[in-house]
Amino acid sequence: MQEFDIVVIGGGPGGLAAAYGLHARGMNVAVVEKDLWGGTCPNRGCDPKKILMAAVETQGRSEALRGHGLSGVPQLDWPALMAAKRAYTEKIPDGTHNGLQAAGIATFHGEASFNADGTLTVGDNQLNAANWIIATGQEPRLPQIDGQEWLRTSNEFLDLDNLPEDITLMGAGYVGVELAAIANAAGTQVHLVHHSDRPLRAFDGDLVSDLLDRLKANGIDVQLNTEITQVAPADDQYRVATADGQSWTTGMVFATAGRMPVIAGLHLDRVDVATTAHGIKVDGTLRTTNPHIFALGDVVDRPQPKLTPVAGFEGRYLTETLTTCDAPAIKYPVIPSVVYGKTQLAQLGVTTTQAAAEPAKYRVSDLDLTHWYSYQRIQDPRARIKVVIDKTTAHIVGAAVLSSEAEQVINYLDFVIQNHMGPADISQTITAYPTLASDLTYFN
């Protein structure tokens, strides 16, 4: 039996933040990983996706400026793009593992399973710890349909040697919309199928509708209010059938309808850790129903967005919680969410839905930015922001943005909201002009 102060199960960004932080505080720490060291984000998630998106976004800017100083549009070279992605991702597992070992943190690779006595089995190793942190994240969810075995996920999409001429995506959430944008930019015919009439439900409905219009204008076949019921091989392709009677032949079918917590093999019932369909239940200090087991990141059932920076924030929080007495409950800052593509959709803070439910407290300013200088100069075809303002303080407390620059604007507003900056504070700040930052003055 090997003894530790802390064992972290999951070698992704959140688990690593906790492991390095606790090790720096003098604790004897071990990290267990059953798959790729580094976790989903750098290996087969946000980082490689954003590498592909760099080409997509550049192509979008070129398209917008065609006839306005540029001629021609660059075409995506899929093999070259994939080579660039792999040049980054192939270094992650060994680099992560080597970093842990160099720091003096013990590592174990294999399936982790709790035992009834509270210890952990990892392969041939038996581990015991004063406290445990579960940071196993999520994995793609496969829908239960006829032909499920023919479905692929975002994991396979982000490592395709060749992209088919036609693909079908099941689900228009973050993953589906972003993969649709990438494949469409690469010249593939994309069918994006969603079970309801309201994809991306966490975002402002008007801006989602605008985004879907943009996707359709780019040639993406968006089908709402229907579901794929069957996938079957058809020569070297697949035949797809939907609940509303449609069918077509496609090169690959990807399940992009959500993710599920990675907890199946842990046997959490043996150590009295309560779970839901959405993950592990925790209290305000990220403690599970077992007082010696904590959980962080995407595996946790919580209302905050399941994003890499949130997991890292929680890892740093647990570093404090497990090394100090009477630690306060975790308090999350405002958290920006972005759907990437040629047109980006971003959201932060108080939502427009929440504002509409409390009209005495909030007002919403709906601004068409298309003809503002910042967007005219880059010929952004549709730019819009909804700013939520607290009526009492006149402070911006939330925003929803649709534009090719949404990721930048939402980060500026994150700084404004997090620092409780009012109109006077913003007006006393001199920013480079003309830039997106200099537009902040006009959002109130």
Protein backbone atom coordinates (compact mmCIF):
# COMPACT_ATOMS: atom_id res chain seq x y z
CA MET A 1 0.00 0.00 0.00
CA GLN A 2 1.40 3.39 -1.02
CA GLU A 3 0.44 6.31 1.23
CA PHE A 4 -0.16 9.93 0.15
CA ASP A 5 -1.61 13.10 1.59
CA ILE A 6 -3.60 13.73 -1.59
CA VAL A 7 -4.38 11.57 -4.61
CA VAL A 8 -5.78 13.39 -7.64
CA ILE A 9 -7.71 11.19 -10.06
CA GLY A 10 -7.47 12.84 -13.46
CA GLY A 11 -4.44 14.44 -15.10
CA GLY A 12 -6.22 17.29 -16.90
CA PRO A 13 -5.94 21.06 -16.30
CA GLY A 14 -8.07 21.11 -13.15
CA GLY A 15 -6.43 18.12 -11.53
CA LEU A 16 -2.96 19.39 -12.44
CA ALA A 17 -3.69 22.83 -10.96
CA ALA A 18 -4.59 21.17 -7.67
CA ALA A 19 -1.70 18.71 -7.77
CA TYR A 20 0.99 21.32 -8.43
CA GLY A 21 -0.52 23.74 -5.92
CA LEU A 22 -0.76 21.17 -3.13
CA HIS A 23 2.71 19.81 -3.86
CA ALA A 24 4.07 23.35 -3.57
CA ARG A 25 2.46 23.56 -0.11
CA GLY A 26 4.50 20.56 1.02
CA MET A 27 1.97 17.77 0.55
CA ASN A 28 2.80 14.31 -0.72
CA VAL A 29 0.72 14.18 -3.91
CA ALA A 30 -0.01 11.54 -6.55
CA VAL A 31 -1.87 11.91 -9.84
CA VAL A 32 -3.70 9.08 -11.57
CA GLU A 33 -4.58 9.18 -15.29
CA LYS A 34 -6.15 6.40 -17.32
CA ASP A 35 -5.94 8.04 -20.74
CA LEU A 36 -3.78 10.88 -22.12
CA TRP A 37 -1.75 12.94 -19.66
CA GLY A 38 -2.93 16.53 -19.91
CA GLY A 39 -6.62 15.69 -20.24
CA THR A 40 -9.20 16.49 -22.89
CA CYS A 41 -8.54 20.20 -23.46
CA PRO A 42 -4.96 20.10 -24.79
CA ASN A 43 -5.19 16.65 -26.36
CA ARG A 44 -8.58 16.42 -28.04
CA GLY A 45 -10.58 19.47 -27.00
CA CYS A 46 -10.32 23.23 -26.84
CA ASP A 47 -6.64 23.61 -27.76
CA PRO A 48 -6.54 21.51 -30.97
CA LYS A 49 -9.96 22.83 -31.95
CA LYS A 50 -8.71 26.40 -31.68
CA ILE A 51 -5.68 25.54 -33.83
CA LEU A 52 -8.08 24.47 -36.57
CA MET A 53 -10.21 27.53 -35.90
CA ALA A 54 -7.26 29.84 -36.59
CA ALA A 55 -7.46 28.90 -40.27
CA VAL A 56 -11.26 29.10 -40.25
CA GLU A 57 -11.27 32.58 -38.73
CA THR A 58 -8.62 33.81 -41.15
CA GLN A 59 -10.63 32.50 -44.08
CA GLY A 60 -13.72 34.27 -42.72
CA ARG A 61 -11.92 37.58 -42.49
CA SER A 62 -10.63 37.18 -46.03
CA GLU A 63 -14.14 36.43 -47.31
CA ALA A 64 -15.51 39.54 -45.62
CA LEU A 65 -12.80 41.74 -47.16
CA ARG A 66 -13.05 40.30 -50.68
CA GLY A 67 -13.80 43.26 -52.90
CA HIS A 68 -12.76 45.64 -50.12
CA GLY A 69 -9.02 45.46 -50.64
CA LEU A 70 -8.55 41.71 -50.98
CA SER A 71 -9.12 39.42 -53.92
CA GLY A 72 -9.48 35.69 -53.57
CA VAL A 73 -10.04 33.62 -50.45
CA PRO A 74 -7.49 31.19 -48.95
CA GLN A 75 -8.54 27.56 -48.99
CA LEU A 76 -8.03 25.23 -46.06
CA ASP A 77 -5.40 22.55 -46.62
CA TRP A 78 -6.74 19.82 -44.33
CA PRO A 79 -3.64 17.58 -44.21
CA ALA A 80 -1.40 20.59 -43.50
CA LEU A 81 -3.83 21.90 -40.90
CA MET A 82 -3.96 18.51 -39.21
CA ALA A 83 -0.16 18.32 -39.25
CA ALA A 84 0.00 21.68 -37.47
CA LYS A 85 -2.49 20.43 -34.90
CA ARG A 86 -0.58 17.22 -34.30
CA ALA A 87 2.70 19.07 -33.95
CA TYR A 88 1.14 20.60 -30.84
CA THR A 89 -0.92 17.73 -29.42
CA GLU A 90 1.64 14.96 -29.86
CA LYS A 91 3.91 16.64 -27.31
CA ILE A 92 1.25 17.05 -24.63
CA PRO A 93 1.08 13.62 -22.93
CA ASP A 94 4.82 13.10 -22.48
CA GLY A 95 5.39 16.75 -21.66
CA THR A 96 2.71 16.67 -18.97
CA HIS A 97 3.93 13.40 -17.49
CA ASN A 98 7.55 14.48 -17.51
CA GLY A 99 6.63 17.74 -15.81
CA LEU A 100 4.90 15.92 -12.95
CA GLN A 101 7.82 13.56 -12.47
CA ALA A 102 10.35 16.39 -12.57
CA ALA A 103 8.37 18.18 -9.86
CA GLY A 104 8.46 15.09 -7.65
CA ILE A 105 4.75 14.29 -7.93
CA ALA A 106 4.03 10.56 -8.09
CA THR A 107 2.17 9.36 -11.18
CA PHE A 108 0.11 6.26 -11.94
CA HIS A 109 -1.34 5.33 -15.31
CA GLY A 110 -4.39 3.09 -15.44
CA GLU A 111 -8.04 2.65 -14.52
CA ALA A 112 -8.77 3.84 -10.98
CA SER A 113 -11.31 2.04 -8.83
CA PHE A 114 -12.26 2.71 -5.21
CA ASN A 115 -12.39 -0.20 -2.81
CA ALA A 116 -14.88 -0.68 0.01
CA ASP A 117 -12.23 0.22 2.61
CA GLY A 118 -11.68 3.62 0.97
CA THR A 119 -8.42 2.78 -0.77
CA LEU A 120 -7.83 2.97 -4.52
CA THR A 121 -6.71 0.32 -6.97
CA VAL A 122 -4.80 1.41 -10.09
CA GLY A 123 -3.60 -1.61 -12.01
CA ASP A 124 -1.31 -3.51 -9.65
CA ASN A 125 -0.98 -0.54 -7.32
CA GLN A 126 -2.88 0.03 -4.08
CA LEU A 127 -3.09 3.66 -2.98
CA ASN A 128 -4.29 5.27 0.22
CA ALA A 129 -4.65 8.96 1.01
CA ALA A 130 -5.90 11.33 3.67
CA ASN A 131 -7.97 13.07 0.99
CA TRP A 132 -8.87 12.49 -2.65
CA ILE A 133 -9.74 14.79 -5.55
CA ILE A 134 -11.76 13.46 -8.48
CA ALA A 135 -11.05 15.42 -11.66
CA THR A 136 -11.91 12.90 -14.36
CA GLY A 137 -13.87 15.29 -16.62
CA GLN A 138 -16.39 14.31 -19.27
CA GLU A 139 -16.44 12.28 -22.46
CA PRO A 140 -18.66 12.36 -25.59
CA ARG A 141 -22.12 10.87 -25.17
CA LEU A 142 -23.32 8.39 -27.81
CA PRO A 143 -27.09 8.44 -28.42
CA GLN A 144 -28.96 5.15 -28.24
CA ILE A 145 -30.05 4.75 -31.86
CA ASP A 146 -30.11 1.99 -34.43
CA GLY A 147 -26.58 1.97 -35.85
CA GLN A 148 -24.88 3.53 -32.83
CA GLU A 149 -21.74 1.53 -33.61
CA TRP A 150 -21.18 3.61 -36.76
CA LEU A 151 -21.09 6.93 -34.91
CA ARG A 152 -17.91 8.90 -34.34
CA THR A 153 -17.28 11.73 -31.89
CA SER A 154 -15.33 14.97 -31.70
CA ASN A 155 -12.31 12.90 -30.64
CA GLU A 156 -12.13 11.34 -34.10
CA PHE A 157 -13.05 14.56 -35.94
CA LEU A 158 -10.12 16.42 -34.44
CA ASP A 159 -7.68 13.78 -35.69
CA LEU A 160 -9.00 12.94 -39.17
CA ASP A 161 -6.37 12.29 -41.82
CA ASN A 162 -8.91 13.25 -44.47
CA LEU A 163 -12.20 15.09 -44.15
CA PRO A 164 -15.10 13.55 -46.15
CA GLU A 165 -16.93 15.61 -48.75
CA ASP A 166 -20.14 15.24 -46.70
CA ILE A 167 -20.61 14.82 -42.94
CA THR A 168 -23.54 14.78 -40.53
CA LEU A 169 -23.48 16.15 -36.98
CA MET A 170 -26.00 15.01 -34.37
CA GLY A 171 -26.55 17.93 -32.02
CA ALA A 172 -26.14 21.70 -32.38
CA GLY A 173 -24.54 22.56 -29.07
CA TYR A 174 -21.05 24.01 -28.63
CA VAL A 175 -19.35 21.01 -30.20
CA GLY A 176 -21.74 20.58 -33.12
CA VAL A 177 -21.76 24.23 -34.15
CA GLU A 178 -17.98 24.55 -33.91
CA LEU A 179 -17.25 21.35 -35.83
CA ALA A 180 -19.81 22.45 -38.44
CA ALA A 181 -17.94 25.74 -38.89
CA ILE A 182 -14.59 23.97 -39.30
CA ALA A 183 -15.84 21.37 -41.79
CA ASN A 184 -17.80 23.95 -43.79
CA ALA A 185 -14.72 26.18 -44.08
CA ALA A 186 -12.79 23.18 -45.39
CA GLY A 187 -15.31 22.74 -48.21
CA THR A 188 -17.33 19.86 -46.77
CA GLN A 189 -21.11 19.70 -47.04
CA VAL A 190 -22.38 19.71 -43.46
CA HIS A 191 -25.74 18.50 -42.14
CA LEU A 192 -26.34 19.83 -38.61
CA VAL A 193 -29.32 18.11 -36.96
CA HIS A 194 -30.81 19.20 -33.62
CA HIS A 195 -33.69 17.66 -31.68
CA SER A 196 -35.42 20.95 -30.78
CA ASP A 197 -35.99 24.37 -32.30
CA ARG A 198 -33.66 26.01 -29.75
CA PRO A 199 -29.99 25.03 -29.96
CA LEU A 200 -27.45 26.59 -27.59
CA ARG A 201 -30.18 27.14 -25.02
CA ALA A 202 -27.87 28.84 -22.52
CA PHE A 203 -27.30 31.74 -24.95
CA ASP A 204 -29.52 34.63 -25.99
CA GLY A 205 -32.22 33.31 -28.34
CA ASP A 206 -32.10 36.20 -30.81
CA LEU A 207 -28.35 35.94 -31.22
CA VAL A 208 -28.56 32.16 -31.62
CA SER A 209 -31.10 32.69 -34.42
CA ASP A 210 -28.74 35.19 -36.05
CA LEU A 211 -25.88 32.70 -35.78
CA LEU A 212 -27.95 29.91 -37.34
CA ASP A 213 -28.82 32.26 -40.22
CA ARG A 214 -25.11 32.82 -40.77
CA LEU A 215 -24.43 29.08 -40.76
CA LYS A 216 -27.17 28.54 -43.31
CA ALA A 217 -25.86 31.39 -45.47
CA ASN A 218 -22.49 29.64 -45.46
CA GLY A 219 -24.12 26.53 -46.90
CA ILE A 220 -24.64 24.43 -43.77
CA ASP A 221 -27.81 22.32 -43.84
CA VAL A 222 -29.35 23.13 -40.44
CA GLN A 223 -32.25 20.86 -39.50
CA LEU A 224 -34.15 21.64 -36.29
CA ASN A 225 -36.97 19.85 -34.47
CA THR A 226 -35.96 16.41 -35.67
CA GLU A 227 -33.67 13.58 -34.62
CA ILE A 228 -31.54 11.02 -36.39
CA THR A 229 -33.11 7.63 -35.71
CA GLN A 230 -30.92 5.35 -37.77
CA VAL A 231 -27.44 5.16 -39.28
CA ALA A 232 -26.57 2.28 -41.60
CA PRO A 233 -23.61 1.49 -43.90
CA ALA A 234 -24.19 2.25 -47.59
CA ASP A 235 -21.18 1.07 -49.61
CA ASP A 236 -18.31 3.25 -48.35
CA GLN A 237 -20.70 5.80 -46.83
CA TYR A 238 -23.65 5.85 -44.41
CA ARG A 239 -27.39 6.23 -44.83
CA VAL A 240 -29.00 8.53 -42.28
CA ALA A 241 -32.72 8.53 -41.45
CA THR A 242 -34.53 11.10 -39.30
CA ALA A 243 -37.73 11.12 -37.26
CA ASP A 244 -39.47 13.39 -39.77
CA GLY A 245 -38.93 10.98 -42.64
CA GLN A 246 -35.86 12.49 -44.29
CA SER A 247 -32.84 10.47 -45.34
CA TRP A 248 -29.53 11.09 -47.07
CA THR A 249 -26.14 9.55 -47.68
CA THR A 250 -23.14 10.98 -45.85
CA GLY A 251 -19.44 10.23 -45.43
CA MET A 252 -19.35 10.18 -41.61
CA VAL A 253 -21.79 10.75 -38.75
CA PHE A 254 -20.57 12.42 -35.57
CA ALA A 255 -22.39 12.41 -32.23
CA THR A 256 -22.18 15.99 -30.96
CA ALA A 257 -25.17 15.97 -28.60
CA GLY A 258 -23.50 16.52 -25.28
CA ARG A 259 -21.02 14.88 -22.95
CA MET A 260 -21.26 12.76 -19.81
CA PRO A 261 -19.19 12.54 -16.61
CA VAL A 262 -16.37 9.99 -16.53
CA ILE A 263 -17.27 8.10 -13.36
CA ALA A 264 -18.35 4.62 -14.51
CA GLY A 265 -15.24 2.73 -13.43
CA LEU A 266 -14.60 4.54 -10.16
CA HIS A 267 -17.20 2.57 -8.14
CA LEU A 268 -18.14 5.67 -6.18
CA ASP A 269 -20.95 3.76 -4.46
CA ARG A 270 -18.31 1.87 -2.48
CA VAL A 271 -17.15 5.11 -0.85
CA ASP A 272 -20.57 6.77 -0.45
CA VAL A 273 -20.09 9.47 -3.07
CA ALA A 274 -23.47 10.63 -4.41
CA THR A 275 -23.90 11.32 -8.12
CA THR A 276 -26.58 12.48 -10.55
CA ALA A 277 -26.95 12.07 -14.30
CA HIS A 278 -24.90 15.28 -14.59
CA GLY A 279 -21.98 14.31 -12.39
CA ILE A 280 -20.77 14.22 -8.80
CA LYS A 281 -22.66 16.15 -6.12
CA VAL A 282 -20.54 18.58 -4.12
CA ASP A 283 -21.11 21.24 -1.47
CA GLY A 284 -19.84 24.81 -1.46
CA THR A 285 -16.30 23.66 -0.73
CA LEU A 286 -16.30 21.07 -3.55
CA ARG A 287 -16.56 18.30 -0.94
CA THR A 288 -18.61 15.26 -1.96
CA THR A 289 -20.91 13.29 0.34
CA ASN A 290 -17.76 11.53 1.54
CA PRO A 291 -15.91 14.07 3.75
CA HIS A 292 -12.49 12.93 2.47
CA ILE A 293 -13.30 13.06 -1.25
CA PHE A 294 -13.51 16.27 -3.26
CA ALA A 295 -14.36 16.80 -6.93
CA LEU A 296 -13.67 19.53 -9.46
CA GLY A 297 -14.07 20.35 -13.13
CA ASP A 298 -16.44 18.92 -15.68
CA VAL A 299 -17.20 15.79 -13.65
CA VAL A 300 -19.05 17.92 -11.08
CA ASP A 301 -22.81 18.54 -11.22
CA ARG A 302 -22.93 22.34 -10.93
CA PRO A 303 -24.59 25.23 -12.82
CA GLN A 304 -21.35 26.91 -13.88
CA PRO A 305 -20.23 26.28 -17.48
CA LYS A 306 -18.06 23.19 -17.90
CA LEU A 307 -14.97 24.96 -19.18
CA THR A 308 -11.24 24.47 -18.71
CA PRO A 309 -10.65 27.82 -16.92
CA VAL A 310 -13.38 26.91 -14.41
CA ALA A 311 -11.64 23.60 -13.64
CA GLY A 312 -8.34 25.42 -13.15
CA PHE A 313 -10.03 27.94 -10.85
CA GLU A 314 -11.46 25.09 -8.78
CA GLY A 315 -8.06 23.39 -8.64
CA ARG A 316 -6.51 26.53 -7.21
CA TYR A 317 -9.42 26.86 -4.78
CA LEU A 318 -8.88 23.32 -3.48
CA THR A 319 -5.20 24.10 -2.97
CA GLU A 320 -6.30 26.73 -0.45
CA THR A 321 -9.15 24.68 1.02
CA LEU A 322 -7.00 21.62 1.74
CA THR A 323 -4.14 23.59 3.28
CA THR A 324 -6.00 26.13 5.46
CA CYS A 325 -8.55 25.90 8.24
CA ASP A 326 -12.17 26.94 7.83
CA ALA A 327 -11.89 27.81 4.16
CA PRO A 328 -14.86 29.80 2.82
CA ALA A 329 -17.17 28.38 0.18
CA ILE A 330 -16.01 28.77 -3.39
CA LYS A 331 -17.09 32.02 -5.01
CA TYR A 332 -16.99 32.04 -8.78
CA PRO A 333 -16.23 35.20 -10.75
CA VAL A 334 -18.20 35.98 -13.88
CA ILE A 335 -17.46 33.30 -16.46
CA PRO A 336 -17.35 34.03 -20.21
CA SER A 337 -18.55 31.38 -22.66
CA VAL A 338 -17.73 31.46 -26.38
CA VAL A 339 -18.90 29.44 -29.37
CA TYR A 340 -16.11 29.80 -31.94
CA GLY A 341 -16.30 30.09 -35.71
CA LYS A 342 -16.17 32.69 -38.47
CA THR A 343 -18.94 34.31 -36.47
CA GLN A 344 -18.50 33.95 -32.72
CA LEU A 345 -21.21 33.88 -30.07
CA ALA A 346 -20.20 34.91 -26.55
CA GLN A 347 -21.96 35.45 -23.25
CA LEU A 348 -21.02 36.69 -19.78
CA GLY A 349 -22.65 37.52 -16.46
CA VAL A 350 -26.36 38.23 -16.09
CA THR A 351 -28.13 36.81 -19.13
CA THR A 352 -30.80 38.60 -21.14
CA THR A 353 -33.28 35.96 -19.98
CA GLN A 354 -32.50 36.71 -16.35
CA ALA A 355 -32.75 40.43 -17.06
CA ALA A 356 -36.16 40.03 -18.70
CA ALA A 357 -37.40 38.22 -15.60
CA GLU A 358 -36.40 41.20 -13.41
CA PRO A 359 -37.30 44.34 -15.40
CA ALA A 360 -37.29 46.51 -12.29
CA LYS A 361 -33.64 45.66 -11.68
CA TYR A 362 -32.12 45.43 -15.15
CA ARG A 363 -32.39 47.01 -18.54
CA VAL A 364 -31.08 45.51 -21.77
CA SER A 365 -29.46 47.63 -24.46
CA ASP A 366 -29.65 45.87 -27.85
CA LEU A 367 -27.07 47.41 -30.18
CA ASP A 368 -26.53 46.70 -33.87
CA LEU A 369 -22.77 47.05 -34.23
CA THR A 370 -22.57 46.31 -37.94
CA HIS A 371 -22.06 49.94 -38.93
CA TRP A 372 -19.80 50.87 -36.03
CA TYR A 373 -16.32 51.72 -37.26
CA SER A 374 -14.67 48.69 -35.62
CA TYR A 375 -16.89 46.36 -37.64
CA GLN A 376 -17.15 48.43 -40.82
CA ARG A 377 -13.41 48.36 -41.31
CA ILE A 378 -13.36 44.54 -41.28
CA GLN A 379 -16.70 44.25 -43.12
CA ASP A 380 -18.27 42.12 -40.39
CA PRO A 381 -21.57 41.16 -42.04
CA ARG A 382 -23.55 40.99 -38.80
CA ALA A 383 -22.37 42.28 -35.44
CA ARG A 384 -24.66 42.69 -32.47
CA ILE A 385 -24.42 43.04 -28.70
CA LYS A 386 -26.98 42.94 -25.93
CA VAL A 387 -25.69 44.65 -22.80
CA VAL A 388 -27.37 44.04 -19.44
CA ILE A 389 -27.18 47.09 -17.17
CA ASP A 390 -28.05 47.34 -13.49
CA LYS A 391 -30.55 50.19 -13.22
CA THR A 392 -29.41 51.19 -9.74
CA THR A 393 -25.67 51.44 -10.37
CA ALA A 394 -25.64 51.89 -14.17
CA HIS A 395 -22.92 49.22 -14.21
CA ILE A 396 -22.71 46.63 -16.97
CA VAL A 397 -23.45 43.25 -15.35
CA GLY A 398 -23.83 41.00 -18.37
CA ALA A 399 -23.57 40.81 -22.14
CA ALA A 400 -24.25 38.63 -25.15
CA VAL A 401 -22.21 39.27 -28.30
CA LEU A 402 -22.38 38.03 -31.88
CA SER A 403 -19.56 39.03 -34.21
CA SER A 404 -16.27 37.89 -35.65
CA GLU A 405 -14.66 39.69 -32.68
CA ALA A 406 -16.93 38.41 -29.91
CA GLU A 407 -14.18 36.59 -27.99
CA GLN A 408 -12.21 39.81 -27.59
CA VAL A 409 -15.19 41.98 -26.67
CA ILE A 410 -16.42 39.53 -24.03
CA ASN A 411 -12.98 39.45 -22.39
CA TYR A 412 -12.88 43.24 -22.17
CA LEU A 413 -16.33 43.18 -20.58
CA ASP A 414 -15.19 40.44 -18.21
CA PHE A 415 -12.54 42.85 -16.90
CA VAL A 416 -15.14 45.63 -16.61
CA ILE A 417 -17.66 43.52 -14.72
CA GLN A 418 -15.15 41.74 -12.49
CA ASN A 419 -13.70 45.09 -11.40
CA HIS A 420 -17.13 46.72 -10.94
CA MET A 421 -16.30 49.50 -13.35
CA GLY A 422 -19.07 52.00 -13.94
CA PRO A 423 -19.47 54.46 -16.83
CA ALA A 424 -17.28 57.04 -15.09
CA ASP A 425 -14.50 54.50 -14.54
CA ILE A 426 -14.59 53.43 -18.18
CA SER A 427 -14.58 57.02 -19.41
CA GLN A 428 -11.48 57.72 -17.31
CA THR A 429 -9.60 54.91 -19.03
CA ILE A 430 -7.65 55.77 -22.17
CA THR A 431 -7.34 52.83 -24.55
CA ALA A 432 -5.68 52.53 -27.92
CA TYR A 433 -7.89 53.97 -30.66
CA PRO A 434 -9.54 52.85 -32.81
CA THR A 435 -9.90 49.40 -31.27
CA LEU A 436 -12.55 47.17 -29.79
CA ALA A 437 -11.48 48.33 -26.34
CA SER A 438 -12.18 51.97 -27.22
CA ASP A 439 -15.78 50.97 -28.04
CA LEU A 440 -16.47 50.15 -24.36
CA THR A 441 -17.35 53.78 -23.69
CA TYR A 442 -20.43 53.49 -25.89
CA PHE A 443 -21.96 50.29 -24.45
CA ASN A 444 -23.79 51.99 -21.57
